[in-house]
Amino acid sequence: MRWELDWLENRARLSPNKNAIIDEDTNMAWTYKELNKRSSSVAGWLKSQGVKKGDRVALLSPNDISYFDLLFACGKIGAIFVPLNWRLSVHELNEILLDCTPLLLGVHQQFDNRFTSLQTTVPKCFCVGGSNYYKIVSNAIDNNQIEAISDHDPLAMIYTGGTTGKPKGVVLSHQSIQWNAINTILSWNLSEEDVTINYMPMFHTGGLNALSLPILMIGGTVVIGEQYTGKKVVYSIEQYNCTIILLVPTMYHSLIQTEEFQRSDFPSMKIFLSGAAPCPLQVYEAFQKKGLAFKEGYGLTEAGPNNFFIHPEDAQEKRGSVGKPMLFNAIKLEKEDGQEAKVNEVGELLIKGKHSFSHYWNNELATLETKKGGWVHTGDLAKKDEEGFHYIVGRKKDMIITGGENVYPLEIEHWLAAHPAIDEVAVIGLPDEKWGELVAAFIVAKHSHRIEEEDLIVYCEKKLGRYKIPKKFIPLIELPKTHVGKIDKKKLKELSIQI
């Protein structure tokens, strides 16, 4: 194996006694030396089970150190690590297993017998956690004879959420993962002093690649969190002296409403990051009132997921902006006619860089559609201002065309979310014979508030053109969410049929 690909071994040599991983629930800690020894032992054990270069090794587990054990072990022997979304149904998981055909499947002991039927789909299964797994990570097994590995060889395969169709296996090479980490470290000025707590699911690129691997590469510390609550995160940030954290907007929504958030000054924190979806502007307000640095990022499994940088001061002045392209990637906004969008024009966001994905597993057509001319076509719409700061305006598929006018749901969502009686909101387009599509807003009211539709229309008229004002306001107790906390607009469309 090329020495530069096994950077964990190099980091273990440079920072052997520094804590690499801490488990929030048990407070157990592992140094870089111990983490590298564990992954080397697992690599040897995988070889003893017949795993060869290119074979897939899947994992079904809550957030746990085993993600790092298996990812780094696969990297050492050229295998492909496939983390699975344990929140999916058994049927959905079987579909993924049939697609990626892993030689081995690790199932965490916490799941007991919930997924026993999966064992018929995979040649071999093993238990993660417990005494048997301890033996695997503790035994030193010869790991010298391995096939040559290049930076273009696959290292991990992460399946997309599948909220708009069948999940696709996004293949990330050693180069993809390594350059995302390097780009993040240099662009975000990460250092070995940085500590993060990760509540993002580690079967998702945000859990593995957004902050965890960059911080480990630079020699910082990653605290593994499992069950997120707004109250809990404040205590853990203080306990572990965290400096940086990535949460999704729905997590911030609950965090800023806690007494613990109001009480704490977060003295160790340098920056709070938001990702996975555009963040409501009232979250910016909450952090500004406390004098805390807050900003948004943007990414996707197929590219990074880190692509932009914005200074916290710019983030407050240009709320909603994800900033400018990072050091080692390029950004382009392309209009439907193929021309590049000008300042303040909306176009599809295209990304290019060594951090981009290799291909979709067993899906050449989808690969060709997404990777054109070396650019990853994200399907997201964005614009940039005169100073080059970029703003995500929504998904291309979510854009509403009503009466021939283009409507971007995010603009309406931001305005409605600022209403003092509204807790959460999501806007989608629904089929309509007259308008083609009509604008519909799903509203979750704050506790004890009653909102009349006539009042919402008057409120919208203060800011929005008439064609943007929702023609339907649909009250809900809560908005449906995906496994990473995004609002699930596919389910909202299904709900609209039932209402």
Protein backbone atom coordinates (compact mmCIF):
# COMPACT_ATOMS: atom_id res chain seq x y z
CA MET A 1 0.00 0.00 0.00
CA ARG A 2 1.27 3.48 -0.82
CA TRP A 3 2.45 5.14 2.39
CA GLU A 4 0.46 8.34 1.86
CA LEU A 5 -2.85 6.46 1.71
CA ASP A 6 -2.48 4.96 5.20
CA TRP A 7 -2.38 8.34 6.87
CA LEU A 8 -3.77 6.91 10.12
CA GLU A 9 -0.55 4.93 10.60
CA ASN A 10 1.44 8.11 9.97
CA ARG A 11 -0.73 10.11 12.38
CA ALA A 12 -0.29 7.37 15.01
CA ARG A 13 3.47 7.78 14.63
CA LEU A 14 3.25 11.58 14.98
CA SER A 15 0.65 11.71 17.78
CA PRO A 16 0.73 8.26 19.42
CA ASN A 17 -0.61 9.25 22.84
CA LYS A 18 -3.12 11.91 21.77
CA ASN A 19 -6.78 10.98 22.21
CA ALA A 20 -8.27 10.32 18.79
CA ILE A 21 -11.73 8.99 19.72
CA ILE A 22 -13.89 9.36 22.83
CA ASP A 23 -17.24 7.64 23.30
CA GLU A 24 -19.76 10.07 24.82
CA ASP A 25 -21.90 7.39 26.47
CA THR A 26 -19.11 5.39 28.13
CA ASN A 27 -16.40 8.10 28.24
CA MET A 28 -13.94 5.49 26.90
CA ALA A 29 -11.04 7.02 24.96
CA TRP A 30 -8.65 5.63 22.35
CA THR A 31 -5.34 7.22 21.36
CA TYR A 32 -4.13 7.34 17.79
CA LYS A 33 -1.75 4.49 18.54
CA GLU A 34 -4.63 2.40 19.87
CA LEU A 35 -6.94 3.32 17.00
CA ASN A 36 -4.32 2.32 14.44
CA LYS A 37 -3.63 -0.94 16.29
CA ARG A 38 -7.36 -1.74 16.34
CA SER A 39 -7.78 -1.11 12.61
CA SER A 40 -4.64 -3.12 11.81
CA SER A 41 -6.00 -6.05 13.84
CA VAL A 42 -9.35 -5.79 12.05
CA ALA A 43 -7.57 -5.65 8.69
CA GLY A 44 -5.73 -8.85 9.50
CA TRP A 45 -8.93 -10.51 10.67
CA LEU A 46 -10.75 -9.47 7.47
CA LYS A 47 -7.97 -11.09 5.44
CA SER A 48 -8.31 -14.27 7.49
CA GLN A 49 -12.01 -14.30 6.55
CA GLY A 50 -11.16 -14.23 2.85
CA VAL A 51 -11.66 -10.51 2.22
CA LYS A 52 -9.58 -9.34 -0.74
CA LYS A 53 -9.01 -6.07 -2.56
CA GLY A 54 -12.31 -4.79 -3.98
CA ASP A 55 -14.53 -6.91 -1.70
CA ARG A 56 -17.25 -5.09 0.18
CA VAL A 57 -17.51 -5.10 3.98
CA ALA A 58 -20.80 -3.73 5.33
CA LEU A 59 -21.64 -2.40 8.80
CA LEU A 60 -25.00 -1.95 10.51
CA SER A 61 -24.40 -0.03 13.73
CA PRO A 62 -25.31 3.06 15.72
CA ASN A 63 -22.55 5.64 16.02
CA ASP A 64 -19.63 3.62 17.33
CA ILE A 65 -15.85 3.32 17.07
CA SER A 66 -16.38 0.27 14.81
CA TYR A 67 -17.01 2.69 11.92
CA PHE A 68 -13.41 3.86 12.19
CA ASP A 69 -12.12 0.33 12.85
CA LEU A 70 -13.64 -0.98 9.64
CA LEU A 71 -13.08 2.08 7.43
CA PHE A 72 -9.37 2.22 8.21
CA ALA A 73 -9.06 -1.59 8.10
CA CYS A 74 -10.62 -1.67 4.62
CA GLY A 75 -8.24 1.09 3.59
CA LYS A 76 -5.24 -0.98 4.67
CA ILE A 77 -6.19 -4.02 2.55
CA GLY A 78 -8.01 -2.40 -0.38
CA ALA A 79 -11.53 -3.51 0.58
CA ILE A 80 -14.60 -1.26 0.29
CA PHE A 81 -16.38 -0.13 3.45
CA VAL A 82 -20.20 0.08 3.16
CA PRO A 83 -21.94 1.71 6.16
CA LEU A 84 -25.67 0.95 6.21
CA ASN A 85 -28.56 3.09 7.36
CA TRP A 86 -29.99 1.10 10.26
CA ARG A 87 -33.15 3.25 10.19
CA LEU A 88 -34.23 1.64 6.93
CA SER A 89 -36.64 -1.29 6.83
CA VAL A 90 -35.32 -4.84 6.47
CA HIS A 91 -36.70 -4.88 2.92
CA GLU A 92 -34.80 -1.69 2.01
CA LEU A 93 -31.59 -3.00 3.59
CA ASN A 94 -31.89 -6.27 1.69
CA GLU A 95 -32.19 -4.30 -1.55
CA ILE A 96 -28.94 -2.50 -0.76
CA LEU A 97 -27.17 -5.71 0.24
CA LEU A 98 -28.26 -7.38 -2.98
CA ASP A 99 -26.86 -4.40 -4.87
CA CYS A 100 -23.45 -4.17 -3.19
CA THR A 101 -23.04 -7.92 -2.41
CA PRO A 102 -20.76 -7.65 0.64
CA LEU A 103 -18.64 -10.62 1.66
CA LEU A 104 -19.08 -9.71 5.33
CA LEU A 105 -21.74 -7.87 7.33
CA GLY A 106 -21.07 -6.57 10.84
CA VAL A 107 -24.17 -6.04 13.00
CA HIS A 108 -23.87 -4.21 16.32
CA GLN A 109 -24.93 -6.19 19.39
CA GLN A 110 -27.32 -3.38 20.35
CA PHE A 111 -29.63 -4.45 17.55
CA ASP A 112 -30.07 -7.96 19.00
CA ASN A 113 -32.30 -9.94 16.64
CA ARG A 114 -33.87 -7.07 14.71
CA PHE A 115 -31.95 -7.82 11.54
CA THR A 116 -31.46 -11.61 11.64
CA SER A 117 -33.22 -12.02 8.28
CA LEU A 118 -30.40 -10.06 6.63
CA GLN A 119 -28.04 -12.95 7.29
CA THR A 120 -29.56 -14.90 4.39
CA THR A 121 -28.42 -12.14 2.00
CA VAL A 122 -24.76 -12.07 3.07
CA PRO A 123 -22.26 -14.96 3.04
CA LYS A 124 -20.87 -14.16 6.51
CA CYS A 125 -22.04 -12.04 9.45
CA PHE A 126 -20.24 -11.06 12.65
CA CYS A 127 -21.23 -9.25 15.81
CA VAL A 128 -19.85 -5.79 16.50
CA GLY A 129 -19.36 -5.02 20.18
CA GLY A 130 -19.05 -7.59 22.94
CA SER A 131 -16.31 -10.06 23.75
CA ASN A 132 -15.94 -11.62 20.30
CA TYR A 133 -15.44 -8.24 18.65
CA TYR A 134 -12.96 -7.30 21.38
CA LYS A 135 -10.86 -10.29 20.34
CA ILE A 136 -10.95 -9.15 16.70
CA VAL A 137 -9.68 -5.65 17.52
CA SER A 138 -7.10 -6.92 20.02
CA ASN A 139 -5.37 -9.76 18.17
CA ALA A 140 -2.32 -8.89 16.15
CA ILE A 141 -2.59 -10.78 12.84
CA ASP A 142 -0.02 -10.64 10.06
CA ASN A 143 -1.08 -8.01 7.57
CA ASN A 144 1.98 -7.66 5.38
CA GLN A 145 1.00 -9.41 2.18
CA ILE A 146 -1.56 -7.22 0.46
CA GLU A 147 -2.20 -6.16 -3.11
CA ALA A 148 -1.00 -2.77 -4.31
CA ILE A 149 -3.54 0.01 -3.67
CA SER A 150 -3.77 3.25 -5.65
CA ASP A 151 -5.46 6.52 -4.73
CA HIS A 152 -8.15 5.86 -7.37
CA ASP A 153 -9.19 2.55 -5.80
CA PRO A 154 -12.51 2.59 -3.92
CA LEU A 155 -12.39 3.00 -0.16
CA ALA A 156 -16.04 3.50 0.84
CA MET A 157 -19.52 3.26 -0.64
CA ILE A 158 -22.24 5.38 0.92
CA TYR A 159 -25.83 4.95 -0.20
CA THR A 160 -27.86 8.08 -0.85
CA GLY A 161 -31.00 8.74 1.17
CA GLY A 162 -33.37 7.57 -1.55
CA THR A 163 -36.12 10.11 -0.71
CA THR A 164 -36.61 10.76 -4.44
CA GLY A 165 -36.06 7.20 -5.68
CA LYS A 166 -34.01 4.06 -5.21
CA PRO A 167 -30.83 4.62 -3.14
CA LYS A 168 -27.62 4.78 -5.17
CA GLY A 169 -24.25 3.54 -3.94
CA VAL A 170 -21.84 6.47 -4.13
CA VAL A 171 -18.32 5.10 -4.54
CA LEU A 172 -15.64 7.23 -2.88
CA SER A 173 -12.00 6.53 -3.67
CA HIS A 174 -9.02 6.96 -1.38
CA GLN A 175 -8.37 10.19 -3.29
CA SER A 176 -11.93 11.46 -2.78
CA ILE A 177 -11.87 11.02 0.99
CA GLN A 178 -8.28 12.16 1.44
CA TRP A 179 -8.70 15.37 -0.59
CA ASN A 180 -11.95 16.27 1.14
CA ALA A 181 -10.06 16.07 4.43
CA ILE A 182 -7.05 18.06 3.17
CA ASN A 183 -9.29 20.70 1.59
CA THR A 184 -11.31 21.02 4.79
CA ILE A 185 -8.29 21.25 7.09
CA LEU A 186 -6.64 24.00 5.06
CA SER A 187 -9.76 25.95 4.12
CA TRP A 188 -11.35 25.85 7.57
CA ASN A 189 -8.06 26.24 9.47
CA LEU A 190 -8.49 23.08 11.54
CA SER A 191 -5.74 22.11 13.97
CA GLU A 192 -4.75 19.37 16.40
CA GLU A 193 -6.35 21.49 19.14
CA ASP A 194 -9.81 21.01 17.62
CA VAL A 195 -12.36 18.78 19.32
CA THR A 196 -15.75 17.94 17.86
CA ILE A 197 -18.69 15.88 19.01
CA ASN A 198 -20.39 14.01 16.20
CA TYR A 199 -24.13 13.39 16.43
CA MET A 200 -24.53 13.05 12.67
CA PRO A 201 -25.24 9.41 11.73
CA MET A 202 -21.97 7.83 10.71
CA PHE A 203 -23.59 5.86 7.90
CA HIS A 204 -23.99 9.30 6.29
CA THR A 205 -21.22 11.31 4.63
CA GLY A 206 -21.87 14.13 7.09
CA GLY A 207 -21.03 11.82 9.97
CA LEU A 208 -17.86 10.37 8.47
CA ASN A 209 -16.43 12.88 6.02
CA ALA A 210 -17.62 16.35 7.00
CA LEU A 211 -15.67 16.77 10.25
CA SER A 212 -14.61 13.40 11.71
CA LEU A 213 -11.96 12.38 9.19
CA PRO A 214 -10.52 15.90 8.68
CA ILE A 215 -10.11 16.34 12.43
CA LEU A 216 -8.52 12.90 12.79
CA MET A 217 -6.14 13.61 9.90
CA ILE A 218 -4.91 16.84 11.54
CA GLY A 219 -4.58 15.15 14.93
CA GLY A 220 -7.61 16.49 16.81
CA THR A 221 -10.21 14.58 18.81
CA VAL A 222 -13.61 13.22 17.75
CA VAL A 223 -16.22 12.52 20.41
CA ILE A 224 -18.78 9.98 19.20
CA GLY A 225 -22.31 10.96 20.16
CA GLU A 226 -25.33 8.75 19.55
CA GLN A 227 -28.61 10.08 20.93
CA TYR A 228 -28.91 13.82 20.33
CA THR A 229 -30.92 16.16 22.53
CA GLY A 230 -30.55 19.92 22.75
CA LYS A 231 -29.90 19.66 26.48
CA LYS A 232 -27.35 16.88 26.16
CA VAL A 233 -25.19 18.57 23.53
CA VAL A 234 -24.59 21.62 25.74
CA TYR A 235 -23.27 19.44 28.58
CA SER A 236 -21.05 17.42 26.24
CA ILE A 237 -19.60 20.53 24.57
CA GLU A 238 -18.64 21.81 28.01
CA GLN A 239 -17.38 18.44 29.30
CA TYR A 240 -15.08 17.77 26.35
CA ASN A 241 -14.13 21.39 25.62
CA CYS A 242 -15.37 21.12 22.06
CA THR A 243 -14.20 23.78 19.61
CA ILE A 244 -16.29 23.01 16.52
CA ILE A 245 -19.51 21.13 15.84
CA LEU A 246 -21.68 20.26 12.85
CA LEU A 247 -25.43 19.89 13.32
CA VAL A 248 -28.38 19.97 10.94
CA PRO A 249 -30.96 22.80 11.09
CA THR A 250 -33.56 20.69 12.92
CA MET A 251 -30.99 20.01 15.66
CA TYR A 252 -30.24 23.73 15.98
CA HIS A 253 -33.97 24.41 16.06
CA SER A 254 -34.29 22.32 19.23
CA LEU A 255 -30.96 23.46 20.70
CA ILE A 256 -31.70 27.21 20.74
CA GLN A 257 -34.96 26.63 22.61
CA THR A 258 -33.32 24.96 25.62
CA GLU A 259 -32.53 26.65 28.91
CA GLU A 260 -29.05 25.11 28.72
CA PHE A 261 -28.32 27.00 25.48
CA GLN A 262 -29.44 30.27 27.03
CA ARG A 263 -27.31 29.61 30.13
CA SER A 264 -24.04 28.58 28.54
CA ASP A 265 -21.41 30.94 27.13
CA PHE A 266 -19.71 28.04 25.28
CA PRO A 267 -16.20 29.37 26.12
CA SER A 268 -14.34 26.61 24.26
CA MET A 269 -16.34 26.85 21.02
CA LYS A 270 -14.79 28.53 17.98
CA ILE A 271 -17.60 27.90 15.51
CA PHE A 272 -21.00 26.25 15.14
CA LEU A 273 -21.59 24.77 11.67
CA SER A 274 -24.91 23.93 10.03
CA GLY A 275 -25.26 21.57 7.09
CA ALA A 276 -27.49 19.11 5.17
CA ALA A 277 -30.18 21.73 4.47
CA PRO A 278 -30.59 25.54 4.38
CA CYS A 279 -30.85 26.96 7.89
CA PRO A 280 -33.73 29.17 9.10
CA LEU A 281 -32.60 32.75 9.70
CA GLN A 282 -33.88 32.77 13.29
CA VAL A 283 -31.07 30.36 14.16
CA TYR A 284 -28.58 33.02 13.03
CA GLU A 285 -30.39 35.49 15.32
CA ALA A 286 -30.10 33.18 18.33
CA PHE A 287 -26.35 32.79 17.93
CA GLN A 288 -25.77 36.47 17.19
CA LYS A 289 -27.59 37.46 20.39
CA LYS A 290 -25.14 35.31 22.36
CA GLY A 291 -22.12 36.56 20.41
CA LEU A 292 -21.36 33.06 19.10
CA ALA A 293 -19.85 32.35 15.68
CA PHE A 294 -22.26 30.47 13.40
CA LYS A 295 -22.22 29.66 9.71
CA GLU A 296 -23.61 27.33 7.07
CA GLY A 297 -21.89 24.86 4.79
CA TYR A 298 -22.94 22.91 1.74
CA GLY A 299 -22.15 19.45 0.47
CA LEU A 300 -23.42 16.17 -0.84
CA THR A 301 -22.26 12.57 -0.76
CA GLU A 302 -21.04 12.81 -4.34
CA ALA A 303 -18.79 15.80 -3.65
CA GLY A 304 -16.91 16.00 -0.44
CA PRO A 305 -19.18 16.80 1.34
CA ASN A 306 -17.31 20.05 2.05
CA ASN A 307 -17.17 22.64 -0.74
CA PHE A 308 -17.42 26.18 0.63
CA PHE A 309 -15.88 28.42 3.27
CA ILE A 310 -17.30 31.57 4.83
CA HIS A 311 -15.86 33.63 7.67
CA PRO A 312 -18.26 33.91 10.64
CA GLU A 313 -18.37 37.72 10.32
CA ASP A 314 -19.37 37.41 6.66
CA ALA A 315 -21.93 34.76 7.62
CA GLN A 316 -23.76 37.22 9.87
CA GLU A 317 -23.66 39.97 7.27
CA LYS A 318 -24.70 37.65 4.43
CA ARG A 319 -27.10 35.34 6.20
CA GLY A 320 -27.97 32.24 4.24
CA SER A 321 -24.74 32.28 2.23
CA VAL A 322 -22.48 29.23 2.22
CA GLY A 323 -19.57 31.41 1.11
CA LYS A 324 -16.94 30.92 -1.55
CA PRO A 325 -15.34 27.75 -3.00
CA MET A 326 -12.66 26.14 -0.84
CA LEU A 327 -8.97 25.99 -1.77
CA PHE A 328 -8.99 22.82 -3.86
CA ASN A 329 -12.34 22.74 -5.66
CA ALA A 330 -14.12 24.75 -8.34
CA ILE A 331 -17.74 25.88 -8.53
CA LYS A 332 -19.87 26.82 -11.54
CA LEU A 333 -23.52 27.85 -11.86
CA GLU A 334 -25.09 26.64 -15.09
CA LYS A 335 -28.39 27.84 -16.53
CA GLU A 336 -30.76 25.57 -18.45
CA ASP A 337 -29.37 26.84 -21.78
CA GLY A 338 -25.91 25.67 -20.74
CA GLN A 339 -24.58 29.19 -20.21
CA GLU A 340 -22.92 30.18 -16.97
CA ALA A 341 -25.17 32.21 -14.68
CA LYS A 342 -24.25 35.85 -14.10
CA VAL A 343 -24.32 37.69 -10.77
CA ASN A 344 -27.65 37.13 -8.97
CA GLU A 345 -28.86 34.74 -11.68
CA VAL A 346 -29.96 31.27 -10.61
CA GLY A 347 -28.27 28.21 -12.06
CA GLU A 348 -27.56 24.59 -11.21
CA LEU A 349 -24.58 24.20 -8.91
CA LEU A 350 -21.72 22.25 -10.52
CA ILE A 351 -18.66 21.12 -8.55
CA LYS A 352 -15.23 19.92 -9.66
CA GLY A 353 -12.34 18.63 -7.55
CA LYS A 354 -10.33 15.60 -6.48
CA HIS A 355 -12.80 15.12 -3.64
CA SER A 356 -15.65 14.21 -6.01
CA PHE A 357 -17.00 10.66 -6.18
CA SER A 358 -15.78 7.99 -8.55
CA HIS A 359 -19.08 6.51 -9.79
CA TYR A 360 -22.41 5.05 -8.75
CA TRP A 361 -22.19 1.34 -8.02
CA ASN A 362 -23.83 -0.76 -10.75
CA ASN A 363 -25.38 2.37 -12.29
CA GLU A 364 -23.45 3.65 -15.27
CA LEU A 365 -26.37 5.68 -16.63
CA ALA A 366 -26.80 7.65 -13.40
CA THR A 367 -23.04 8.21 -13.28
CA LEU A 368 -23.04 9.67 -16.79
CA GLU A 369 -25.99 11.92 -15.93
CA THR A 370 -24.33 13.28 -12.78
CA LYS A 371 -20.70 13.54 -13.97
CA LYS A 372 -20.56 15.52 -17.19
CA GLY A 373 -17.37 17.06 -18.49
CA GLY A 374 -15.62 16.45 -15.19
CA TRP A 375 -18.26 18.39 -13.22
CA VAL A 376 -20.60 16.93 -10.60
CA HIS A 377 -24.11 18.15 -11.41
CA THR A 378 -25.61 18.51 -7.94
CA GLY A 379 -29.26 19.13 -8.84
CA ASP A 380 -29.20 22.10 -6.45
CA LEU A 381 -29.95 25.64 -7.56
CA ALA A 382 -27.79 28.54 -6.39
CA LYS A 383 -26.83 32.13 -7.12
CA LYS A 384 -23.86 34.32 -6.23
CA ASP A 385 -23.65 37.99 -5.38
CA GLU A 386 -21.28 40.70 -6.62
CA GLU A 387 -18.62 39.66 -4.11
CA GLY A 388 -18.72 35.97 -5.06
CA PHE A 389 -20.67 34.69 -2.06
CA HIS A 390 -22.93 31.78 -2.99
CA TYR A 391 -26.49 31.13 -1.83
CA ILE A 392 -28.38 27.85 -2.18
CA VAL A 393 -31.95 28.59 -3.31
CA GLY A 394 -33.29 25.03 -3.40
CA ARG A 395 -33.36 21.72 -5.19
CA LYS A 396 -33.86 21.79 -8.95
CA LYS A 397 -36.60 19.18 -8.51
CA ASP A 398 -38.24 21.28 -5.79
CA MET A 399 -38.56 24.44 -7.90
CA ILE A 400 -42.22 25.30 -8.41
CA ILE A 401 -43.48 26.55 -11.78
CA THR A 402 -46.83 28.20 -11.19
CA GLY A 403 -48.56 30.10 -13.97
CA GLY A 404 -45.28 30.17 -15.89
CA GLU A 405 -43.36 31.78 -12.99
CA ASN A 406 -40.42 30.12 -11.22
CA VAL A 407 -40.84 29.97 -7.43
CA TYR A 408 -38.05 28.89 -5.08
CA PRO A 409 -39.52 27.38 -1.88
CA LEU A 410 -36.61 28.49 0.32
CA GLU A 411 -37.46 32.18 -0.09
CA ILE A 412 -41.01 31.55 1.14
CA GLU A 413 -39.86 29.22 3.92
CA HIS A 414 -37.45 31.82 5.28
CA TRP A 415 -40.16 34.47 5.41
CA LEU A 416 -42.81 32.23 6.97
CA ALA A 417 -40.31 30.84 9.50
CA ALA A 418 -39.76 34.41 10.73
CA HIS A 419 -43.45 34.64 11.73
CA PRO A 420 -43.59 34.75 15.57
CA ALA A 421 -46.29 32.05 15.75
CA ILE A 422 -44.66 29.54 13.39
CA ASP A 423 -42.32 26.86 14.68
CA GLU A 424 -41.47 25.04 11.42
CA VAL A 425 -42.49 25.35 7.79
CA ALA A 426 -41.96 23.56 4.48
CA VAL A 427 -43.12 24.69 1.04
CA ILE A 428 -43.74 22.41 -1.95
CA GLY A 429 -45.53 22.52 -5.29
CA LEU A 430 -48.72 20.53 -5.79
CA PRO A 431 -50.36 19.67 -9.14
CA ASP A 432 -53.05 22.14 -10.21
CA GLU A 433 -55.17 22.20 -13.38
CA LYS A 434 -55.18 26.00 -13.65
CA TRP A 435 -51.67 26.95 -12.56
CA GLY A 436 -49.76 23.77 -13.44
CA GLU A 437 -48.50 23.79 -9.87
CA LEU A 438 -49.70 25.69 -6.84
CA VAL A 439 -47.60 26.81 -3.89
CA ALA A 440 -48.48 24.92 -0.69
CA ALA A 441 -47.06 25.61 2.77
CA PHE A 442 -47.07 23.04 5.59
CA ILE A 443 -47.12 24.88 8.91
CA VAL A 444 -46.25 23.75 12.42
CA ALA A 445 -47.45 26.36 14.92
CA LYS A 446 -45.65 27.17 18.14
CA HIS A 447 -47.23 25.78 21.28
CA SER A 448 -50.63 27.31 22.12
CA HIS A 449 -50.69 29.45 18.97
CA ARG A 450 -53.54 29.40 16.47
CA ILE A 451 -52.80 30.86 13.05
CA GLU A 452 -55.55 31.94 10.67
CA GLU A 453 -54.96 31.53 6.94
CA GLU A 454 -56.12 35.11 6.26
CA ASP A 455 -53.47 36.44 8.64
CA LEU A 456 -50.75 34.40 6.90
CA ILE A 457 -51.77 35.76 3.51
CA VAL A 458 -51.57 39.33 4.81
CA TYR A 459 -48.17 38.51 6.35
CA CYS A 460 -46.86 37.08 3.06
CA GLU A 461 -48.06 40.14 1.12
CA LYS A 462 -45.58 42.27 3.07
CA LYS A 463 -42.60 40.52 1.45
CA LEU A 464 -43.64 38.20 -1.38
CA GLY A 465 -45.00 38.73 -4.88
CA ARG A 466 -48.57 37.49 -5.26
CA TYR A 467 -47.60 34.45 -7.35
CA LYS A 468 -45.27 33.32 -4.53
CA ILE A 469 -47.91 33.46 -1.80
CA PRO A 470 -49.07 29.92 -0.91
CA LYS A 471 -52.54 29.07 -2.15
CA LYS A 472 -52.75 26.36 0.50
CA PHE A 473 -51.68 26.51 4.14
CA ILE A 474 -51.74 23.03 5.67
CA PRO A 475 -51.38 22.74 9.47
CA LEU A 476 -49.38 19.81 10.88
CA ILE A 477 -48.36 18.74 14.37
CA GLU A 478 -44.83 18.07 13.10
CA LEU A 479 -42.96 17.88 9.79
CA PRO A 480 -41.72 14.47 8.60
CA LYS A 481 -37.92 14.14 8.66
CA THR A 482 -35.39 11.92 6.89
CA HIS A 483 -32.80 9.86 8.79
CA VAL A 484 -30.37 12.81 8.80
CA GLY A 485 -32.92 15.35 10.00
CA LYS A 486 -33.87 16.93 6.68
CA ILE A 487 -37.51 17.76 6.06
CA ASP A 488 -38.90 14.95 3.91
CA LYS A 489 -40.73 16.70 1.08
CA LYS A 490 -41.56 13.42 -0.65
CA LYS A 491 -43.62 12.43 2.38
CA LEU A 492 -45.25 15.86 2.43
CA LYS A 493 -46.49 15.28 -1.10
CA GLU A 494 -47.86 11.91 -0.02
CA LEU A 495 -49.56 13.59 2.95
CA SER A 496 -51.16 16.21 0.69
CA ILE A 497 -52.98 13.45 -1.18
CA GLN A 498 -54.38 12.06 2.05
CA ILE A 499 -55.51 15.43 3.44
